[in-house]
Amino acid sequence: MSSTSTPRKGALIGCGFFSKNHLHAWAQLPGAEIVALCDANPQRLQEASTEFGIDKTYASAEELFASEKLDFVDIATTVGSHRALVEMAARQGVPCICQKPFANTLDDAVAMIQACRRAGVPLMVHENFRWQSSIQAVRKALDQGHIGQPFWGRVSFRSAYDVFSGQPYLATEDRFILQDLGIHIIDIARFLFGEVATMSASTTRINPKIRGEDVATLLMKHRSGLTSVIDCSYATANTKELFPQTLIEIDGALGTLRLGADYQLTIHVKDGDTQVVDCAPPLHDWAQRPWHNIQDSVLNIQAHWLQCLSDGREPQTSGADNLRTLLLVEKAYESAAGQQKTIDIVKETPPC
């Protein structure tokens, strides 16, 4: 969509902790205008309305859809409300973006996908980690063939950052790191290495003040033959806190890729040159360190959504695509409960 096109009119449902990143990014994109806000919490609703200058506010999604003619809706609520809101948008014929995690169950995810498919409206899951500048740089380096055919990879996110201060509900959930963070890291692995054939997982809880797991490790065999290790921790006190950076190691037949601290990508070619590429994200005027890599990825995925609407093509992280990531999260919990039982993912993929 060109900057001279009429902006698409959207609404944001959910004005919680992360929604400000959505709103700042929409304000920066010339192809969209958020014309209305919706939240059951009047204080949050008023604060967002005042900060972003959006006068139309609604206490319920029913009121919103009854009153506004929308080109899309951005659902930035917690997972328990997603199915009802996505199905409501589908009934109204409104394309929708849904925050991750997409659904509490695979059945809910399939129902949402089918509802949007029947209505003929696009559905994208706001799975934004793959849109970070550093992750995109790794994908580009792989596509350019610098290291030949990859055969092993590791995607790692290890931190002791206090995520509970900003999102206290995370400490009360029965499921934590796999559902909240691991889903991003697993999606990165799918983005870089392709679909998964088999998987096993282990989880543990180190922090006694939370209910869910805060450490998870997965071993995955991809259909390409590549083996990957996925490791996530919110209980790791590093000498340098790298939150919210994802580190990546990939071994290939001709060399190696290493995405290290501070967004430095090292590409080493066997019997050849070694180059270091700075993949640091831009610091937008509304962004703050250390969140700026995630904030930039929000801008990037929302721009992708607008381009897909303009081109009439399916987003990379469509509902159907994200179902495969969600399946891996579900099966990781199942594997961990079964003492690292290996699960055949190909046989487990639900129809939709």
Protein backbone atom coordinates (compact mmCIF):
# COMPACT_ATOMS: atom_id res chain seq x y z
CA MET A 1 0.00 0.00 0.00
CA SER A 2 1.43 3.37 -0.95
CA SER A 3 1.54 6.26 1.49
CA THR A 4 -0.95 8.13 -0.71
CA SER A 5 -3.65 5.45 -0.39
CA THR A 6 -6.56 6.00 1.95
CA PRO A 7 -5.56 4.49 5.32
CA ARG A 8 -7.42 1.37 6.37
CA LYS A 9 -9.61 1.98 9.40
CA GLY A 10 -8.93 -0.32 12.32
CA ALA A 11 -9.90 -0.74 15.95
CA LEU A 12 -7.88 -2.07 18.86
CA ILE A 13 -9.57 -4.37 21.36
CA GLY A 14 -7.60 -4.58 24.61
CA CYS A 15 -5.67 -1.66 26.08
CA GLY A 16 -3.38 -3.56 28.43
CA PHE A 17 0.38 -3.70 28.98
CA PHE A 18 1.51 -4.55 25.45
CA SER A 19 -1.15 -2.67 23.51
CA LYS A 20 0.77 0.62 23.57
CA ASN A 21 3.35 -0.95 21.27
CA HIS A 22 0.56 -1.80 18.82
CA LEU A 23 -0.83 1.73 18.98
CA HIS A 24 2.55 3.44 18.54
CA ALA A 25 3.32 1.22 15.56
CA TRP A 26 -0.07 1.84 13.94
CA ALA A 27 0.46 5.58 14.37
CA GLN A 28 3.78 5.28 12.48
CA LEU A 29 2.29 3.35 9.56
CA PRO A 30 0.68 5.56 6.90
CA GLY A 31 -1.47 2.68 5.63
CA ALA A 32 -3.60 2.43 8.78
CA GLU A 33 -5.60 4.55 11.21
CA ILE A 34 -6.90 3.27 14.52
CA VAL A 35 -10.29 4.96 14.81
CA ALA A 36 -11.64 3.27 17.94
CA LEU A 37 -10.56 1.55 21.14
CA CYS A 38 -12.30 -1.13 23.18
CA ASP A 39 -11.65 -2.35 26.72
CA ALA A 40 -13.87 -3.41 29.62
CA ASN A 41 -11.55 -1.56 32.03
CA PRO A 42 -12.60 2.13 31.95
CA GLN A 43 -9.33 3.42 33.37
CA ARG A 44 -7.17 1.65 30.79
CA LEU A 45 -9.54 2.72 28.05
CA GLN A 46 -9.40 6.37 29.06
CA GLU A 47 -5.63 6.37 29.44
CA ALA A 48 -5.14 4.93 25.94
CA SER A 49 -7.70 7.32 24.48
CA THR A 50 -5.96 10.33 26.00
CA GLU A 51 -2.41 9.25 25.14
CA PHE A 52 -3.13 8.41 21.51
CA GLY A 53 -5.87 10.93 20.76
CA ILE A 54 -8.49 8.32 19.83
CA ASP A 55 -11.88 9.66 20.89
CA LYS A 56 -14.14 6.74 20.03
CA THR A 57 -14.12 4.26 22.91
CA TYR A 58 -16.25 1.22 23.69
CA ALA A 59 -16.68 -0.92 26.77
CA SER A 60 -17.62 -4.01 24.76
CA ALA A 61 -16.78 -5.54 21.41
CA GLU A 62 -20.49 -5.84 20.65
CA GLU A 63 -20.85 -2.06 20.90
CA LEU A 64 -17.73 -1.56 18.79
CA PHE A 65 -18.86 -3.74 15.89
CA ALA A 66 -22.39 -2.33 16.02
CA SER A 67 -21.15 1.25 15.80
CA GLU A 68 -18.07 1.20 13.55
CA LYS A 69 -17.39 0.27 9.94
CA LEU A 70 -13.93 -1.28 10.11
CA ASP A 71 -11.35 -2.53 7.63
CA PHE A 72 -9.68 -4.64 10.33
CA VAL A 73 -9.57 -5.23 14.06
CA ASP A 74 -6.47 -5.78 16.22
CA ILE A 75 -7.28 -8.08 19.15
CA ALA A 76 -4.70 -7.49 21.90
CA THR A 77 -6.47 -9.20 24.78
CA THR A 78 -5.47 -12.23 26.85
CA VAL A 79 -5.94 -15.69 25.43
CA GLY A 80 -9.20 -16.60 27.17
CA SER A 81 -11.18 -14.03 25.16
CA HIS A 82 -9.68 -14.71 21.74
CA ARG A 83 -12.15 -17.23 20.35
CA ALA A 84 -15.24 -15.16 21.13
CA LEU A 85 -13.70 -12.00 19.70
CA VAL A 86 -12.30 -13.61 16.53
CA GLU A 87 -15.61 -15.33 15.82
CA MET A 88 -17.44 -12.04 16.40
CA ALA A 89 -15.15 -10.30 13.92
CA ALA A 90 -15.70 -13.09 11.40
CA ARG A 91 -19.48 -12.76 11.70
CA GLN A 92 -19.10 -9.06 10.94
CA GLY A 93 -16.83 -9.78 7.97
CA VAL A 94 -13.93 -7.89 9.54
CA PRO A 95 -10.33 -9.10 8.96
CA CYS A 96 -8.59 -9.62 12.26
CA ILE A 97 -5.22 -9.83 13.94
CA CYS A 98 -5.14 -11.91 17.10
CA GLN A 99 -2.50 -11.60 19.80
CA LYS A 100 -0.53 -14.69 20.79
CA PRO A 101 -0.95 -17.18 22.32
CA PHE A 102 -3.65 -17.72 19.72
CA ALA A 103 -5.79 -20.09 21.78
CA ASN A 104 -5.98 -22.10 24.99
CA THR A 105 -6.74 -25.28 23.05
CA LEU A 106 -6.19 -26.62 19.57
CA ASP A 107 -9.96 -26.99 19.18
CA ASP A 108 -10.41 -23.25 19.82
CA ALA A 109 -7.69 -22.43 17.30
CA VAL A 110 -9.28 -24.62 14.62
CA ALA A 111 -12.70 -23.08 15.31
CA MET A 112 -11.31 -19.56 14.82
CA ILE A 113 -9.53 -20.51 11.60
CA GLN A 114 -12.66 -22.13 10.21
CA ALA A 115 -14.87 -19.18 11.22
CA CYS A 116 -12.65 -16.73 9.35
CA ARG A 117 -12.34 -19.07 6.39
CA ARG A 118 -16.12 -19.43 6.10
CA ALA A 119 -16.48 -15.66 6.32
CA GLY A 120 -13.74 -15.13 3.74
CA VAL A 121 -11.76 -12.79 5.99
CA PRO A 122 -7.99 -12.84 6.66
CA LEU A 123 -6.74 -13.92 10.08
CA MET A 124 -3.20 -13.24 11.30
CA VAL A 125 -1.66 -14.14 14.65
CA HIS A 126 0.54 -11.40 16.13
CA GLU A 127 3.55 -13.72 16.31
CA ASN A 128 6.15 -10.98 15.98
CA PHE A 129 9.51 -12.42 17.13
CA ARG A 130 10.34 -13.69 13.63
CA TRP A 131 10.00 -10.06 12.48
CA GLN A 132 12.86 -8.81 14.64
CA SER A 133 15.63 -7.31 12.51
CA SER A 134 18.20 -9.82 13.79
CA ILE A 135 16.00 -12.86 13.09
CA GLN A 136 15.26 -11.56 9.60
CA ALA A 137 19.02 -11.14 9.06
CA VAL A 138 19.62 -14.77 10.01
CA ARG A 139 16.92 -15.90 7.58
CA LYS A 140 18.49 -13.78 4.83
CA ALA A 141 21.94 -15.25 5.48
CA LEU A 142 20.51 -18.78 5.27
CA ASP A 143 18.73 -17.95 2.02
CA GLN A 144 21.97 -16.61 0.56
CA GLY A 145 23.59 -20.00 1.17
CA HIS A 146 26.62 -18.73 3.08
CA ILE A 147 26.91 -21.86 5.25
CA GLY A 148 25.47 -24.42 2.88
CA GLN A 149 22.85 -26.93 4.04
CA PRO A 150 22.13 -26.44 7.77
CA PHE A 151 22.17 -29.62 9.86
CA TRP A 152 22.00 -28.35 13.47
CA GLY A 153 20.57 -25.29 15.19
CA ARG A 154 19.93 -23.79 18.59
CA VAL A 155 17.50 -20.98 19.46
CA SER A 156 18.03 -19.70 22.99
CA PHE A 157 16.37 -17.18 25.30
CA ARG A 158 17.82 -17.15 28.82
CA SER A 159 17.24 -14.34 31.29
CA ALA A 160 16.43 -13.37 34.86
CA TYR A 161 14.43 -10.30 33.84
CA ASP A 162 11.40 -9.60 36.05
CA VAL A 163 8.58 -9.97 33.55
CA PHE A 164 6.04 -10.30 36.36
CA SER A 165 6.21 -6.64 37.43
CA GLY A 166 4.66 -5.52 34.14
CA GLN A 167 2.43 -8.56 33.65
CA PRO A 168 1.62 -9.91 37.15
CA TYR A 169 -0.94 -12.39 35.82
CA LEU A 170 1.93 -14.43 34.37
CA ALA A 171 2.91 -15.52 37.89
CA THR A 172 -0.54 -16.99 38.51
CA GLU A 173 -0.89 -19.06 35.35
CA ASP A 174 -0.50 -22.85 35.46
CA ARG A 175 1.44 -22.56 32.21
CA PHE A 176 4.12 -19.93 31.88
CA ILE A 177 7.32 -19.95 29.88
CA LEU A 178 6.34 -22.30 27.05
CA GLN A 179 3.00 -20.60 26.47
CA ASP A 180 4.21 -17.01 26.91
CA LEU A 181 7.77 -17.05 25.57
CA GLY A 182 8.50 -20.52 24.19
CA ILE A 183 5.82 -20.09 21.57
CA HIS A 184 7.92 -17.28 20.07
CA ILE A 185 11.14 -19.29 20.17
CA ILE A 186 9.47 -22.33 18.62
CA ASP A 187 8.04 -20.14 15.87
CA ILE A 188 11.54 -18.80 15.16
CA ALA A 189 12.75 -22.40 14.78
CA ARG A 190 9.95 -23.14 12.32
CA PHE A 191 10.73 -19.94 10.43
CA LEU A 192 14.44 -20.78 10.13
CA PHE A 193 14.47 -24.59 9.95
CA GLY A 194 11.08 -25.64 8.61
CA GLU A 195 8.40 -27.94 9.93
CA VAL A 196 9.02 -30.37 12.78
CA ALA A 197 8.84 -34.17 12.51
CA THR A 198 9.48 -35.27 16.11
CA MET A 199 9.93 -33.47 19.41
CA SER A 200 10.67 -34.09 23.09
CA ALA A 201 10.68 -31.59 25.96
CA SER A 202 11.48 -31.07 29.61
CA THR A 203 10.31 -28.27 31.92
CA THR A 204 10.92 -27.20 35.50
CA ARG A 205 10.00 -24.42 37.94
CA ILE A 206 12.82 -22.62 39.75
CA ASN A 207 11.01 -19.53 41.07
CA PRO A 208 8.88 -20.66 44.05
CA LYS A 209 6.66 -17.56 43.78
CA ILE A 210 5.08 -18.55 40.47
CA ARG A 211 2.72 -21.38 39.52
CA GLY A 212 3.99 -22.36 36.09
CA GLU A 213 7.27 -23.53 34.62
CA ASP A 214 10.06 -20.99 34.11
CA VAL A 215 12.60 -23.23 32.35
CA ALA A 216 11.99 -25.36 29.23
CA THR A 217 14.22 -27.27 26.82
CA LEU A 218 13.07 -28.93 23.59
CA LEU A 219 14.84 -31.28 21.19
CA MET A 220 13.29 -31.23 17.72
CA LYS A 221 13.98 -33.16 14.53
CA HIS A 222 12.84 -31.18 11.51
CA ARG A 223 11.51 -32.71 8.32
CA SER A 224 14.62 -31.46 6.52
CA GLY A 225 16.73 -33.68 8.77
CA LEU A 226 18.07 -30.77 10.84
CA THR A 227 18.17 -31.17 14.62
CA SER A 228 17.38 -28.14 16.76
CA VAL A 229 17.58 -27.35 20.46
CA ILE A 230 15.14 -24.80 21.88
CA ASP A 231 15.94 -23.51 25.36
CA CYS A 232 14.07 -20.90 27.38
CA SER A 233 14.66 -19.68 30.92
CA TYR A 234 13.51 -16.85 33.15
CA ALA A 235 15.67 -18.21 35.99
CA THR A 236 19.11 -17.60 34.48
CA ALA A 237 21.22 -14.82 36.02
CA ASN A 238 23.81 -14.04 33.37
CA THR A 239 26.80 -11.79 33.98
CA LYS A 240 25.18 -9.49 31.40
CA GLU A 241 21.38 -9.38 31.21
CA LEU A 242 20.46 -9.77 27.56
CA PHE A 243 16.67 -9.50 27.84
CA PRO A 244 14.88 -9.59 25.44
CA GLN A 245 17.47 -10.89 22.99
CA THR A 246 17.23 -14.28 21.29
CA LEU A 247 20.55 -15.99 20.55
CA ILE A 248 20.93 -18.37 17.62
CA GLU A 249 23.54 -20.92 16.55
CA ILE A 250 23.39 -22.74 13.23
CA ASP A 251 25.89 -25.24 11.81
CA GLY A 252 25.92 -25.89 8.09
CA ALA A 253 27.91 -28.02 5.67
CA LEU A 254 30.00 -25.02 4.61
CA GLY A 255 30.19 -22.94 7.79
CA THR A 256 28.36 -21.52 10.79
CA LEU A 257 26.06 -18.67 11.77
CA ARG A 258 26.10 -17.23 15.28
CA LEU A 259 23.66 -14.52 16.38
CA GLY A 260 25.31 -13.36 19.58
CA ALA A 261 24.81 -10.69 22.20
CA ASP A 262 23.88 -7.16 21.14
CA TYR A 263 22.59 -8.31 17.74
CA GLN A 264 25.97 -9.25 16.29
CA LEU A 265 25.67 -11.88 13.56
CA THR A 266 28.88 -13.78 12.80
CA ILE A 267 28.98 -15.69 9.52
CA HIS A 268 31.94 -18.03 9.26
CA VAL A 269 32.62 -19.90 6.04
CA LYS A 270 34.84 -22.97 6.33
CA ASP A 271 38.19 -22.32 4.62
CA GLY A 272 36.98 -18.80 3.88
CA ASP A 273 36.12 -15.45 5.35
CA THR A 274 34.42 -14.54 8.61
CA GLN A 275 32.15 -11.51 8.62
CA VAL A 276 30.32 -9.81 11.45
CA VAL A 277 27.04 -8.06 10.65
CA ASP A 278 25.43 -5.57 13.03
CA CYS A 279 21.73 -6.47 13.16
CA ALA A 280 20.72 -4.00 15.86
CA PRO A 281 17.12 -2.80 15.50
CA PRO A 282 16.30 0.87 15.01
CA LEU A 283 15.30 2.81 18.12
CA HIS A 284 11.99 4.44 17.19
CA ASP A 285 11.15 7.67 18.97
CA TRP A 286 8.43 5.86 20.94
CA ALA A 287 10.58 2.84 21.79
CA GLN A 288 12.67 2.15 24.88
CA ARG A 289 15.68 -0.03 25.47
CA PRO A 290 15.84 -2.97 25.97
CA TRP A 291 12.37 -3.49 24.46
CA HIS A 292 13.23 -1.81 21.16
CA ASN A 293 13.85 -5.04 19.24
CA ILE A 294 10.37 -6.31 20.10
CA GLN A 295 8.83 -2.89 19.52
CA ASP A 296 10.40 -2.72 16.07
CA SER A 297 9.11 -6.22 15.30
CA VAL A 298 5.57 -5.05 16.13
CA LEU A 299 5.93 -2.31 13.53
CA ASN A 300 7.28 -4.84 11.01
CA ILE A 301 4.51 -7.42 11.45
CA GLN A 302 1.80 -4.78 11.29
CA ALA A 303 3.33 -3.44 8.07
CA HIS A 304 3.30 -7.03 6.76
CA TRP A 305 -0.41 -7.28 7.60
CA LEU A 306 -1.22 -4.13 5.68
CA GLN A 307 0.80 -5.28 2.69
CA CYS A 308 -0.97 -8.65 2.71
CA LEU A 309 -4.37 -6.94 2.83
CA SER A 310 -3.33 -4.79 -0.12
CA ASP A 311 -1.96 -7.74 -2.12
CA GLY A 312 -4.74 -10.15 -1.19
CA ARG A 313 -2.31 -12.77 0.08
CA GLU A 314 -2.12 -14.81 3.27
CA PRO A 315 0.11 -13.45 6.07
CA GLN A 316 3.16 -15.48 7.07
CA THR A 317 1.72 -16.02 10.53
CA SER A 318 -1.83 -16.75 9.46
CA GLY A 319 -4.10 -18.63 11.82
CA ALA A 320 -3.47 -21.86 9.90
CA ASP A 321 0.30 -21.37 10.06
CA ASN A 322 0.28 -20.48 13.76
CA LEU A 323 -1.74 -23.61 14.50
CA ARG A 324 1.44 -25.58 13.80
CA THR A 325 3.37 -23.50 16.35
CA LEU A 326 0.56 -23.86 18.87
CA LEU A 327 0.56 -27.62 18.31
CA LEU A 328 4.25 -27.78 19.19
CA VAL A 329 3.61 -25.88 22.44
CA GLU A 330 0.82 -28.28 23.37
CA LYS A 331 2.93 -31.32 22.54
CA ALA A 332 5.89 -29.89 24.48
CA TYR A 333 3.73 -29.82 27.60
CA GLU A 334 2.58 -33.37 26.85
CA SER A 335 6.15 -34.56 26.33
CA ALA A 336 7.37 -32.91 29.54
CA ALA A 337 4.52 -34.47 31.52
CA GLY A 338 5.53 -37.84 30.06
CA GLN A 339 9.17 -37.48 31.14
CA GLN A 340 10.47 -36.23 27.80
CA LYS A 341 8.42 -38.63 25.72
CA THR A 342 9.22 -38.28 22.02
CA ILE A 343 6.16 -37.24 20.03
CA ASP A 344 5.59 -37.75 16.29
CA ILE A 345 4.36 -34.30 15.29
CA VAL A 346 3.40 -35.31 11.75
CA LYS A 347 0.78 -37.70 13.09
CA GLU A 348 -0.53 -35.10 15.55
CA THR A 349 -1.25 -32.22 13.17
CA PRO A 350 -4.97 -31.35 13.48
CA PRO A 351 -7.07 -30.80 10.35
CA CYS A 352 -8.44 -27.31 9.78
